């Protein structure tokens, strides 16, 4: 690799990194009841994206591959919903929240 060249991350790597950022983001939020409930839903959907991509790549058939990628897409859509709900209902406004919404939307177009 030449100086200044950037390695392009695979979708699996991006989804994993996204999961890690979501976990860290959730650890910064308030601990009130509604935030905790939304956070648990967000944690499940966000970490499911990478898990389903990994499963798709090890699928035994094209049908398995397509099925797991479909689940990853659905989890990404759900993740955007929970992130937006946190932003709107709990008035969470941060660069990290904006980044996570955008990254989730980008991951789902692959």
PDB file of N, CA and C in Angstrom:
ATOM      1  N   UNK A   1       0.846  -1.175   0.000  1.00  0.00           N
ATOM      2  CA  UNK A   1       0.000   0.000   0.000  1.00  0.00           C
ATOM      3  C   UNK A   1       0.892   1.239   0.000  1.00  0.00           C
ATOM      4  N   UNK A   2       0.566   2.186  -0.840  1.00  0.00           N
ATOM      5  CA  UNK A   2       1.361   3.397  -0.947  1.00  0.00           C
ATOM      6  C   UNK A   2       1.019   4.349   0.194  1.00  0.00           C
ATOM      7  N   UNK A   3       1.955   5.267   0.468  1.00  0.00           N
ATOM      8  CA  UNK A   3       1.688   6.279   1.475  1.00  0.00           C
ATOM      9  C   UNK A   3       0.449   7.073   1.086  1.00  0.00           C
ATOM     10  N   UNK A   4      -0.394   7.333   2.076  1.00  0.00           N
ATOM     11  CA  UNK A   4      -1.593   8.114   1.821  1.00  0.00           C
ATOM     12  C   UNK A   4      -2.762   7.307   1.302  1.00  0.00           C
ATOM     13  N   UNK A   5      -2.511   6.070   0.900  1.00  0.00           N
ATOM     14  CA  UNK A   5      -3.596   5.235   0.392  1.00  0.00           C
ATOM     15  C   UNK A   5      -4.409   4.706   1.574  1.00  0.00           C
ATOM     16  N   UNK A   6      -5.693   4.634   1.393  1.00  0.00           N
ATOM     17  CA  UNK A   6      -6.579   4.143   2.439  1.00  0.00           C
ATOM     18  C   UNK A   6      -7.108   2.776   2.059  1.00  0.00           C
ATOM     19  N   UNK A   7      -7.123   1.896   3.027  1.00  0.00           N
ATOM     20  CA  UNK A   7      -7.700   0.578   2.805  1.00  0.00           C
ATOM     21  C   UNK A   7      -9.224   0.721   2.829  1.00  0.00           C
ATOM     22  N   UNK A   8      -9.871   0.173   1.853  1.00  0.00           N
ATOM     23  CA  UNK A   8     -11.329   0.196   1.804  1.00  0.00           C
ATOM     24  C   UNK A   8     -11.838  -0.922   2.705  1.00  0.00           C
ATOM     25  N   UNK A   9     -12.701  -0.564   3.644  1.00  0.00           N
ATOM     26  CA  UNK A   9     -13.239  -1.562   4.562  1.00  0.00           C
ATOM     27  C   UNK A   9     -14.335  -2.363   3.877  1.00  0.00           C
ATOM     28  N   UNK A  10     -14.381  -3.627   4.206  1.00  0.00           N
ATOM     29  CA  UNK A  10     -15.470  -4.463   3.708  1.00  0.00           C
ATOM     30  C   UNK A  10     -16.748  -4.090   4.449  1.00  0.00           C
ATOM     31  N   UNK A  11     -17.866  -4.497   3.905  1.00  0.00           N
ATOM     32  CA  UNK A  11     -19.145  -4.222   4.559  1.00  0.00           C
ATOM     33  C   UNK A  11     -19.191  -4.904   5.920  1.00  0.00           C
ATOM     34  N   UNK A  12     -18.587  -6.077   6.019  1.00  0.00           N
ATOM     35  CA  UNK A  12     -18.542  -6.789   7.300  1.00  0.00           C
ATOM     36  C   UNK A  12     -17.772  -5.977   8.335  1.00  0.00           C
ATOM     37  N   UNK A  13     -16.632  -5.401   7.942  1.00  0.00           N
ATOM     38  CA  UNK A  13     -15.834  -4.578   8.858  1.00  0.00           C
ATOM     39  C   UNK A  13     -16.578  -3.306   9.251  1.00  0.00           C
ATOM     40  N   UNK A  14     -17.222  -2.675   8.283  1.00  0.00           N
ATOM     41  CA  UNK A  14     -17.982  -1.452   8.581  1.00  0.00           C
ATOM     42  C   UNK A  14     -19.128  -1.739   9.536  1.00  0.00           C
ATOM     43  N   UNK A  15     -19.823  -2.839   9.309  1.00  0.00           N
ATOM     44  CA  UNK A  15     -20.950  -3.185  10.167  1.00  0.00           C
ATOM     45  C   UNK A  15     -20.473  -3.509  11.585  1.00  0.00           C
ATOM     46  N   UNK A  16     -19.336  -4.188  11.691  1.00  0.00           N
ATOM     47  CA  UNK A  16     -18.785  -4.494  13.011  1.00  0.00           C
ATOM     48  C   UNK A  16     -18.382  -3.198  13.730  1.00  0.00           C
ATOM     49  N   UNK A  17     -17.661  -2.329  13.029  1.00  0.00           N
ATOM     50  CA  UNK A  17     -17.261  -1.046  13.617  1.00  0.00           C
ATOM     51  C   UNK A  17     -18.484  -0.230  14.034  1.00  0.00           C
ATOM     52  N   UNK A  18     -19.524  -0.297  13.227  1.00  0.00           N
ATOM     53  CA  UNK A  18     -20.774   0.381  13.551  1.00  0.00           C
ATOM     54  C   UNK A  18     -21.346  -0.160  14.866  1.00  0.00           C
ATOM     55  N   UNK A  19     -21.337  -1.474  15.025  1.00  0.00           N
ATOM     56  CA  UNK A  19     -21.829  -2.088  16.266  1.00  0.00           C
ATOM     57  C   UNK A  19     -21.057  -1.578  17.479  1.00  0.00           C
ATOM     58  N   UNK A  20     -19.755  -1.511  17.338  1.00  0.00           N
ATOM     59  CA  UNK A  20     -18.918  -1.042  18.442  1.00  0.00           C
ATOM     60  C   UNK A  20     -19.260   0.403  18.793  1.00  0.00           C
ATOM     61  N   UNK A  21     -19.450   1.250  17.786  1.00  0.00           N
ATOM     62  CA  UNK A  21     -19.777   2.658  18.044  1.00  0.00           C
ATOM     63  C   UNK A  21     -21.141   2.794  18.696  1.00  0.00           C
ATOM     64  N   UNK A  22     -22.091   1.958  18.293  1.00  0.00           N
ATOM     65  CA  UNK A  22     -23.414   2.006  18.926  1.00  0.00           C
ATOM     66  C   UNK A  22     -23.304   1.637  20.403  1.00  0.00           C
ATOM     67  N   UNK A  23     -22.572   0.580  20.705  1.00  0.00           N
ATOM     68  CA  UNK A  23     -22.391   0.159  22.097  1.00  0.00           C
ATOM     69  C   UNK A  23     -21.791   1.309  22.911  1.00  0.00           C
ATOM     70  N   UNK A  24     -20.758   1.918  22.397  1.00  0.00           N
ATOM     71  CA  UNK A  24     -20.107   3.031  23.114  1.00  0.00           C
ATOM     72  C   UNK A  24     -21.041   4.227  23.259  1.00  0.00           C
ATOM     73  N   UNK A  25     -21.803   4.521  22.214  1.00  0.00           N
ATOM     74  CA  UNK A  25     -22.768   5.624  22.264  1.00  0.00           C
ATOM     75  C   UNK A  25     -23.823   5.362  23.336  1.00  0.00           C
ATOM     76  N   UNK A  26     -24.341   4.161  23.371  1.00  0.00           N
ATOM     77  CA  UNK A  26     -25.382   3.832  24.349  1.00  0.00           C
ATOM     78  C   UNK A  26     -24.876   3.973  25.777  1.00  0.00           C
ATOM     79  N   UNK A  27     -23.611   3.688  25.987  1.00  0.00           N
ATOM     80  CA  UNK A  27     -23.031   3.825  27.327  1.00  0.00           C
ATOM     81  C   UNK A  27     -22.976   5.272  27.807  1.00  0.00           C
ATOM     82  N   UNK A  28     -23.142   6.234  26.890  1.00  0.00           N
ATOM     83  CA  UNK A  28     -23.093   7.654  27.267  1.00  0.00           C
ATOM     84  C   UNK A  28     -24.468   8.230  27.587  1.00  0.00           C
ATOM     85  N   UNK A  29     -25.530   7.480  27.320  1.00  0.00           N
ATOM     86  CA  UNK A  29     -26.881   8.013  27.482  1.00  0.00           C
ATOM     87  C   UNK A  29     -27.368   7.951  28.922  1.00  0.00           C
ATOM     88  N   UNK A  30     -28.406   8.721  29.177  1.00  0.00           N
ATOM     89  CA  UNK A  30     -29.046   8.730  30.494  1.00  0.00           C
ATOM     90  C   UNK A  30     -29.568   7.335  30.822  1.00  0.00           C
ATOM     91  N   UNK A  31     -29.786   7.102  32.079  1.00  0.00           N
ATOM     92  CA  UNK A  31     -30.210   5.770  32.539  1.00  0.00           C
ATOM     93  C   UNK A  31     -31.689   5.734  32.933  1.00  0.00           C
ATOM     94  N   UNK A  32     -32.486   6.686  32.455  1.00  0.00           N
ATOM     95  CA  UNK A  32     -33.915   6.658  32.776  1.00  0.00           C
ATOM     96  C   UNK A  32     -34.598   5.498  32.056  1.00  0.00           C
ATOM     97  N   UNK A  33     -35.792   5.161  32.497  1.00  0.00           N
ATOM     98  CA  UNK A  33     -36.484   3.958  32.017  1.00  0.00           C
ATOM     99  C   UNK A  33     -36.702   3.946  30.517  1.00  0.00           C
ATOM    100  N   UNK A  34     -37.245   4.993  29.960  1.00  0.00           N
ATOM    101  CA  UNK A  34     -37.557   4.972  28.522  1.00  0.00           C
ATOM    102  C   UNK A  34     -36.295   4.931  27.664  1.00  0.00           C
ATOM    103  N   UNK A  35     -35.267   5.643  28.079  1.00  0.00           N
ATOM    104  CA  UNK A  35     -34.017   5.602  27.327  1.00  0.00           C
ATOM    105  C   UNK A  35     -33.416   4.202  27.364  1.00  0.00           C
ATOM    106  N   UNK A  36     -33.500   3.552  28.513  1.00  0.00           N
ATOM    107  CA  UNK A  36     -32.967   2.202  28.638  1.00  0.00           C
ATOM    108  C   UNK A  36     -33.733   1.202  27.758  1.00  0.00           C
ATOM    109  N   UNK A  37     -35.038   1.334  27.683  1.00  0.00           N
ATOM    110  CA  UNK A  37     -35.837   0.431  26.847  1.00  0.00           C
ATOM    111  C   UNK A  37     -35.509   0.646  25.371  1.00  0.00           C
ATOM    112  N   UNK A  38     -35.453   1.888  24.943  1.00  0.00           N
ATOM    113  CA  UNK A  38     -35.100   2.194  23.549  1.00  0.00           C
ATOM    114  C   UNK A  38     -33.676   1.710  23.266  1.00  0.00           C
ATOM    115  N   UNK A  39     -32.786   1.926  24.220  1.00  0.00           N
ATOM    116  CA  UNK A  39     -31.385   1.519  24.052  1.00  0.00           C
ATOM    117  C   UNK A  39     -31.255   0.013  23.852  1.00  0.00           C
ATOM    118  N   UNK A  40     -32.032  -0.754  24.596  1.00  0.00           N
ATOM    119  CA  UNK A  40     -31.978  -2.216  24.441  1.00  0.00           C
ATOM    120  C   UNK A  40     -32.445  -2.637  23.059  1.00  0.00           C
ATOM    121  N   UNK A  41     -33.497  -2.015  22.566  1.00  0.00           N
ATOM    122  CA  UNK A  41     -33.980  -2.322  21.218  1.00  0.00           C
ATOM    123  C   UNK A  41     -32.929  -1.944  20.175  1.00  0.00           C
ATOM    124  N   UNK A  42     -32.333  -0.766  20.364  1.00  0.00           N
ATOM    125  CA  UNK A  42     -31.301  -0.295  19.441  1.00  0.00           C
ATOM    126  C   UNK A  42     -30.092  -1.222  19.463  1.00  0.00           C
ATOM    127  N   UNK A  43     -29.682  -1.639  20.636  1.00  0.00           N
ATOM    128  CA  UNK A  43     -28.537  -2.539  20.748  1.00  0.00           C
ATOM    129  C   UNK A  43     -28.780  -3.840  19.995  1.00  0.00           C
ATOM    130  N   UNK A  44     -29.977  -4.391  20.134  1.00  0.00           N
ATOM    131  CA  UNK A  44     -30.306  -5.644  19.437  1.00  0.00           C
ATOM    132  C   UNK A  44     -30.278  -5.464  17.920  1.00  0.00           C
ATOM    133  N   UNK A  45     -30.931  -4.410  17.438  1.00  0.00           N
ATOM    134  CA  UNK A  45     -31.012  -4.236  15.983  1.00  0.00           C
ATOM    135  C   UNK A  45     -29.660  -3.861  15.382  1.00  0.00           C
ATOM    136  N   UNK A  46     -28.909  -2.994  16.042  1.00  0.00           N
ATOM    137  CA  UNK A  46     -27.632  -2.533  15.491  1.00  0.00           C
ATOM    138  C   UNK A  46     -26.600  -3.658  15.436  1.00  0.00           C
ATOM    139  N   UNK A  47     -26.530  -4.465  16.475  1.00  0.00           N
ATOM    140  CA  UNK A  47     -25.546  -5.552  16.474  1.00  0.00           C
ATOM    141  C   UNK A  47     -25.978  -6.702  15.575  1.00  0.00           C
ATOM    142  N   UNK A  48     -27.257  -6.769  15.288  1.00  0.00           N
ATOM    143  CA  UNK A  48     -27.775  -7.806  14.402  1.00  0.00           C
ATOM    144  C   UNK A  48     -27.332  -7.606  12.954  1.00  0.00           C
ATOM    145  N   UNK A  49     -27.055  -6.374  12.575  1.00  0.00           N
ATOM    146  CA  UNK A  49     -26.648  -6.089  11.200  1.00  0.00           C
ATOM    147  C   UNK A  49     -25.381  -6.873  10.853  1.00  0.00           C
ATOM    148  N   UNK A  50     -24.339  -6.669  11.637  1.00  0.00           N
ATOM    149  CA  UNK A  50     -23.066  -7.351  11.372  1.00  0.00           C
ATOM    150  C   UNK A  50     -23.204  -8.861  11.522  1.00  0.00           C
ATOM    151  N   UNK A  51     -23.947  -9.291  12.543  1.00  0.00           N
ATOM    152  CA  UNK A  51     -24.110 -10.731  12.762  1.00  0.00           C
ATOM    153  C   UNK A  51     -24.763 -11.396  11.555  1.00  0.00           C
ATOM    154  N   UNK A  52     -25.754 -10.763  10.971  1.00  0.00           N
ATOM    155  CA  UNK A  52     -26.417 -11.335   9.807  1.00  0.00           C
ATOM    156  C   UNK A  52     -25.541 -11.289   8.559  1.00  0.00           C
ATOM    157  N   UNK A  53     -24.692 -10.275   8.436  1.00  0.00           N
ATOM    158  CA  UNK A  53     -23.760 -10.235   7.306  1.00  0.00           C
ATOM    159  C   UNK A  53     -22.759 -11.381   7.421  1.00  0.00           C
ATOM    160  N   UNK A  54     -22.255 -11.623   8.619  1.00  0.00           N
ATOM    161  CA  UNK A  54     -21.335 -12.740   8.841  1.00  0.00           C
ATOM    162  C   UNK A  54     -22.024 -14.056   8.491  1.00  0.00           C
ATOM    163  N   UNK A  55     -23.252 -14.228   8.940  1.00  0.00           N
ATOM    164  CA  UNK A  55     -24.005 -15.450   8.639  1.00  0.00           C
ATOM    165  C   UNK A  55     -24.231 -15.593   7.138  1.00  0.00           C
ATOM    166  N   UNK A  56     -24.518 -14.499   6.457  1.00  0.00           N
ATOM    167  CA  UNK A  56     -24.738 -14.555   5.004  1.00  0.00           C
ATOM    168  C   UNK A  56     -23.486 -15.045   4.288  1.00  0.00           C
ATOM    169  N   UNK A  57     -22.346 -14.551   4.722  1.00  0.00           N
ATOM    170  CA  UNK A  57     -21.102 -14.922   4.059  1.00  0.00           C
ATOM    171  C   UNK A  57     -20.719 -16.377   4.294  1.00  0.00           C
ATOM    172  N   UNK A  58     -21.294 -16.980   5.320  1.00  0.00           N
ATOM    173  CA  UNK A  58     -20.996 -18.397   5.558  1.00  0.00           C
ATOM    174  C   UNK A  58     -22.191 -19.282   5.218  1.00  0.00           C
ATOM    175  N   UNK A  59     -23.169 -18.716   4.516  1.00  0.00           N
ATOM    176  CA  UNK A  59     -24.355 -19.478   4.136  1.00  0.00           C
ATOM    177  C   UNK A  59     -24.028 -20.625   3.208  1.00  0.00           C
ATOM    178  N   UNK A  60     -24.851 -21.640   3.276  1.00  0.00           N
ATOM    179  CA  UNK A  60     -24.629 -22.855   2.481  1.00  0.00           C
ATOM    180  C   UNK A  60     -25.189 -22.736   1.069  1.00  0.00           C
ATOM    181  N   UNK A  61     -26.051 -21.781   0.852  1.00  0.00           N
ATOM    182  CA  UNK A  61     -26.689 -21.661  -0.456  1.00  0.00           C
ATOM    183  C   UNK A  61     -26.941 -20.189  -0.775  1.00  0.00           C
ATOM    184  N   UNK A  62     -27.293 -19.929  -2.016  1.00  0.00           N
ATOM    185  CA  UNK A  62     -27.647 -18.563  -2.413  1.00  0.00           C
ATOM    186  C   UNK A  62     -28.873 -18.088  -1.647  1.00  0.00           C
ATOM    187  N   UNK A  63     -29.775 -19.018  -1.379  1.00  0.00           N
ATOM    188  CA  UNK A  63     -30.979 -18.671  -0.628  1.00  0.00           C
ATOM    189  C   UNK A  63     -30.630 -18.250   0.802  1.00  0.00           C
ATOM    190  N   UNK A  64     -29.731 -18.992   1.463  1.00  0.00           N
ATOM    191  CA  UNK A  64     -29.259 -18.605   2.794  1.00  0.00           C
ATOM    192  C   UNK A  64     -28.623 -17.222   2.750  1.00  0.00           C
ATOM    193  N   UNK A  65     -27.754 -17.015   1.768  1.00  0.00           N
ATOM    194  CA  UNK A  65     -27.073 -15.736   1.612  1.00  0.00           C
ATOM    195  C   UNK A  65     -28.083 -14.594   1.507  1.00  0.00           C
ATOM    196  N   UNK A  66     -29.050 -14.746   0.618  1.00  0.00           N
ATOM    197  CA  UNK A  66     -30.053 -13.705   0.411  1.00  0.00           C
ATOM    198  C   UNK A  66     -30.911 -13.500   1.658  1.00  0.00           C
ATOM    199  N   UNK A  67     -31.257 -14.578   2.331  1.00  0.00           N
ATOM    200  CA  UNK A  67     -32.089 -14.495   3.520  1.00  0.00           C
ATOM    201  C   UNK A  67     -31.381 -13.709   4.631  1.00  0.00           C
ATOM    202  N   UNK A  68     -30.108 -14.017   4.880  1.00  0.00           N
ATOM    203  CA  UNK A  68     -29.391 -13.319   5.946  1.00  0.00           C
ATOM    204  C   UNK A  68     -29.130 -11.860   5.589  1.00  0.00           C
ATOM    205  N   UNK A  69     -28.860 -11.574   4.318  1.00  0.00           N
ATOM    206  CA  UNK A  69     -28.690 -10.175   3.922  1.00  0.00           C
ATOM    207  C   UNK A  69     -29.997  -9.410   4.053  1.00  0.00           C
ATOM    208  N   UNK A  70     -31.107 -10.072   3.783  1.00  0.00           N
ATOM    209  CA  UNK A  70     -32.415  -9.454   3.977  1.00  0.00           C
ATOM    210  C   UNK A  70     -32.633  -9.103   5.451  1.00  0.00           C
ATOM    211  N   UNK A  71     -32.235 -10.000   6.333  1.00  0.00           N
ATOM    212  CA  UNK A  71     -32.348  -9.726   7.774  1.00  0.00           C
ATOM    213  C   UNK A  71     -31.441  -8.561   8.177  1.00  0.00           C
ATOM    214  N   UNK A  72     -30.248  -8.483   7.589  1.00  0.00           N
ATOM    215  CA  UNK A  72     -29.342  -7.367   7.884  1.00  0.00           C
ATOM    216  C   UNK A  72     -29.962  -6.046   7.453  1.00  0.00           C
ATOM    217  N   UNK A  73     -30.588  -6.034   6.280  1.00  0.00           N
ATOM    218  CA  UNK A  73     -31.261  -4.829   5.792  1.00  0.00           C
ATOM    219  C   UNK A  73     -32.394  -4.418   6.729  1.00  0.00           C
ATOM    220  N   UNK A  74     -33.201  -5.377   7.141  1.00  0.00           N
ATOM    221  CA  UNK A  74     -34.301  -5.080   8.054  1.00  0.00           C
ATOM    222  C   UNK A  74     -33.784  -4.551   9.388  1.00  0.00           C
ATOM    223  N   UNK A  75     -32.705  -5.133   9.879  1.00  0.00           N
ATOM    224  CA  UNK A  75     -32.118  -4.658  11.137  1.00  0.00           C
ATOM    225  C   UNK A  75     -31.585  -3.239  10.991  1.00  0.00           C
ATOM    226  N   UNK A  76     -31.022  -2.933   9.835  1.00  0.00           N
ATOM    227  CA  UNK A  76     -30.527  -1.581   9.591  1.00  0.00           C
ATOM    228  C   UNK A  76     -31.676  -0.577   9.562  1.00  0.00           C
ATOM    229  N   UNK A  77     -32.767  -0.939   8.909  1.00  0.00           N
ATOM    230  CA  UNK A  77     -33.936  -0.058   8.889  1.00  0.00           C
ATOM    231  C   UNK A  77     -34.465   0.172  10.304  1.00  0.00           C
ATOM    232  N   UNK A  78     -34.528  -0.888  11.085  1.00  0.00           N
ATOM    233  CA  UNK A  78     -34.992  -0.780  12.467  1.00  0.00           C
ATOM    234  C   UNK A  78     -34.036   0.088  13.291  1.00  0.00           C
ATOM    235  N   UNK A  79     -32.754  -0.063  13.046  1.00  0.00           N
ATOM    236  CA  UNK A  79     -31.749   0.727  13.767  1.00  0.00           C
ATOM    237  C   UNK A  79     -31.929   2.215  13.506  1.00  0.00           C
ATOM    238  N   UNK A  80     -32.177   2.594  12.263  1.00  0.00           N
ATOM    239  CA  UNK A  80     -32.422   4.000  11.938  1.00  0.00           C
ATOM    240  C   UNK A  80     -33.641   4.501  12.715  1.00  0.00           C
ATOM    241  N   UNK A  81     -34.670   3.690  12.791  1.00  0.00           N
ATOM    242  CA  UNK A  81     -35.874   4.070  13.545  1.00  0.00           C
ATOM    243  C   UNK A  81     -35.534   4.371  15.008  1.00  0.00           C
ATOM    244  N   UNK A  82     -34.819   3.446  15.677  1.00  0.00           N
ATOM    245  CA  UNK A  82     -34.510   3.632  17.105  1.00  0.00           C
ATOM    246  C   UNK A  82     -33.593   4.829  17.319  1.00  0.00           C
ATOM    247  N   UNK A  83     -32.623   5.024  16.424  1.00  0.00           N
ATOM    248  CA  UNK A  83     -31.741   6.185  16.545  1.00  0.00           C
ATOM    249  C   UNK A  83     -32.527   7.485  16.414  1.00  0.00           C
ATOM    250  N   UNK A  84     -33.417   7.541  15.440  1.00  0.00           N
ATOM    251  CA  UNK A  84     -34.232   8.747  15.245  1.00  0.00           C
ATOM    252  C   UNK A  84     -35.174   8.976  16.422  1.00  0.00           C
ATOM    253  N   UNK A  85     -35.719   7.901  16.963  1.00  0.00           N
ATOM    254  CA  UNK A  85     -36.585   8.021  18.130  1.00  0.00           C
ATOM    255  C   UNK A  85     -35.811   8.603  19.321  1.00  0.00           C
ATOM    256  N   UNK A  86     -34.608   8.138  19.533  1.00  0.00           N
ATOM    257  CA  UNK A  86     -33.785   8.717  20.605  1.00  0.00           C
ATOM    258  C   UNK A  86     -33.565  10.207  20.374  1.00  0.00           C
ATOM    259  N   UNK A  87     -33.261  10.554  19.144  1.00  0.00           N
ATOM    260  CA  UNK A  87     -33.019  11.956  18.823  1.00  0.00           C
ATOM    261  C   UNK A  87     -34.235  12.825  19.053  1.00  0.00           C
ATOM    262  N   UNK A  88     -35.403  12.330  18.646  1.00  0.00           N
ATOM    263  CA  UNK A  88     -36.619  13.133  18.739  1.00  0.00           C
ATOM    264  C   UNK A  88     -37.291  13.072  20.109  1.00  0.00           C
ATOM    265  N   UNK A  89     -37.499  11.879  20.635  1.00  0.00           N
ATOM    266  CA  UNK A  89     -38.244  11.734  21.886  1.00  0.00           C
ATOM    267  C   UNK A  89     -37.412  12.077  23.115  1.00  0.00           C
ATOM    268  N   UNK A  90     -36.144  11.801  23.046  1.00  0.00           N
ATOM    269  CA  UNK A  90     -35.277  12.034  24.207  1.00  0.00           C
ATOM    270  C   UNK A  90     -34.364  13.243  24.018  1.00  0.00           C
ATOM    271  N   UNK A  91     -34.566  13.962  22.936  1.00  0.00           N
ATOM    272  CA  UNK A  91     -33.778  15.165  22.640  1.00  0.00           C
ATOM    273  C   UNK A  91     -32.275  14.909  22.664  1.00  0.00           C
ATOM    274  N   UNK A  92     -31.888  13.754  22.162  1.00  0.00           N
ATOM    275  CA  UNK A  92     -30.466  13.441  22.045  1.00  0.00           C
ATOM    276  C   UNK A  92     -29.986  14.085  20.750  1.00  0.00           C
ATOM    277  N   UNK A  93     -29.121  15.041  20.879  1.00  0.00           N
ATOM    278  CA  UNK A  93     -28.564  15.731  19.718  1.00  0.00           C
ATOM    279  C   UNK A  93     -27.051  15.686  19.840  1.00  0.00           C
ATOM    280  N   UNK A  94     -26.423  14.985  18.929  1.00  0.00           N
ATOM    281  CA  UNK A  94     -24.971  14.909  18.981  1.00  0.00           C
ATOM    282  C   UNK A  94     -24.427  14.556  17.610  1.00  0.00           C
ATOM    283  N   UNK A  95     -23.149  14.846  17.437  1.00  0.00           N
ATOM    284  CA  UNK A  95     -22.473  14.453  16.206  1.00  0.00           C
ATOM    285  C   UNK A  95     -22.521  12.936  16.058  1.00  0.00           C
ATOM    286  N   UNK A  96     -22.337  12.218  17.166  1.00  0.00           N
ATOM    287  CA  UNK A  96     -22.298  10.752  17.115  1.00  0.00           C
ATOM    288  C   UNK A  96     -23.636  10.187  16.653  1.00  0.00           C
ATOM    289  N   UNK A  97     -24.732  10.721  17.134  1.00  0.00           N
ATOM    290  CA  UNK A  97     -26.052  10.255  16.703  1.00  0.00           C
ATOM    291  C   UNK A  97     -26.226  10.475  15.200  1.00  0.00           C
ATOM    292  N   UNK A  98     -25.863  11.636  14.720  1.00  0.00           N
ATOM    293  CA  UNK A  98     -25.952  11.932  13.286  1.00  0.00           C
ATOM    294  C   UNK A  98     -25.080  10.968  12.484  1.00  0.00           C
ATOM    295  N   UNK A  99     -23.865  10.738  12.964  1.00  0.00           N
ATOM    296  CA  UNK A  99     -22.970   9.794  12.299  1.00  0.00           C
ATOM    297  C   UNK A  99     -23.603   8.404  12.234  1.00  0.00           C
ATOM    298  N   UNK A 100     -24.146   7.930  13.354  1.00  0.00           N
ATOM    299  CA  UNK A 100     -24.718   6.584  13.405  1.00  0.00           C
ATOM    300  C   UNK A 100     -25.918   6.436  12.466  1.00  0.00           C
ATOM    301  N   UNK A 101     -26.767   7.436  12.403  1.00  0.00           N
ATOM    302  CA  UNK A 101     -27.907   7.378  11.473  1.00  0.00           C
ATOM    303  C   UNK A 101     -27.393   7.287  10.038  1.00  0.00           C
ATOM    304  N   UNK A 102     -26.445   8.140   9.693  1.00  0.00           N
ATOM    305  CA  UNK A 102     -25.909   8.133   8.328  1.00  0.00           C
ATOM    306  C   UNK A 102     -25.193   6.834   7.997  1.00  0.00           C
ATOM    307  N   UNK A 103     -24.421   6.317   8.939  1.00  0.00           N
ATOM    308  CA  UNK A 103     -23.685   5.077   8.689  1.00  0.00           C
ATOM    309  C   UNK A 103     -24.654   3.906   8.529  1.00  0.00           C
ATOM    310  N   UNK A 104     -25.693   3.867   9.329  1.00  0.00           N
ATOM    311  CA  UNK A 104     -26.683   2.794   9.189  1.00  0.00           C
ATOM    312  C   UNK A 104     -27.349   2.841   7.822  1.00  0.00           C
ATOM    313  N   UNK A 105     -27.651   4.028   7.361  1.00  0.00           N
ATOM    314  CA  UNK A 105     -28.254   4.182   6.029  1.00  0.00           C
ATOM    315  C   UNK A 105     -27.277   3.755   4.931  1.00  0.00           C
ATOM    316  N   UNK A 106     -26.002   4.071   5.085  1.00  0.00           N
ATOM    317  CA  UNK A 106     -25.015   3.666   4.084  1.00  0.00           C
ATOM    318  C   UNK A 106     -24.787   2.164   4.088  1.00  0.00           C
ATOM    319  N   UNK A 107     -24.748   1.567   5.257  1.00  0.00           N
ATOM    320  CA  UNK A 107     -24.519   0.127   5.337  1.00  0.00           C
ATOM    321  C   UNK A 107     -25.638  -0.631   4.621  1.00  0.00           C
ATOM    322  N   UNK A 108     -26.849  -0.150   4.709  1.00  0.00           N
ATOM    323  CA  UNK A 108     -27.957  -0.878   4.124  1.00  0.00           C
ATOM    324  C   UNK A 108     -28.030  -0.789   2.606  1.00  0.00           C
ATOM    325  N   UNK A 109     -27.253   0.066   1.994  1.00  0.00           N
ATOM    326  CA  UNK A 109     -27.293   0.130   0.524  1.00  0.00           C
ATOM    327  C   UNK A 109     -26.303  -0.815  -0.133  1.00  0.00           C
ATOM    328  N   UNK A 110     -25.468  -1.469   0.652  1.00  0.00           N
ATOM    329  CA  UNK A 110     -24.498  -2.399   0.081  1.00  0.00           C
ATOM    330  C   UNK A 110     -25.162  -3.691  -0.323  1.00  0.00           C
TER     331      UNK A 110
END
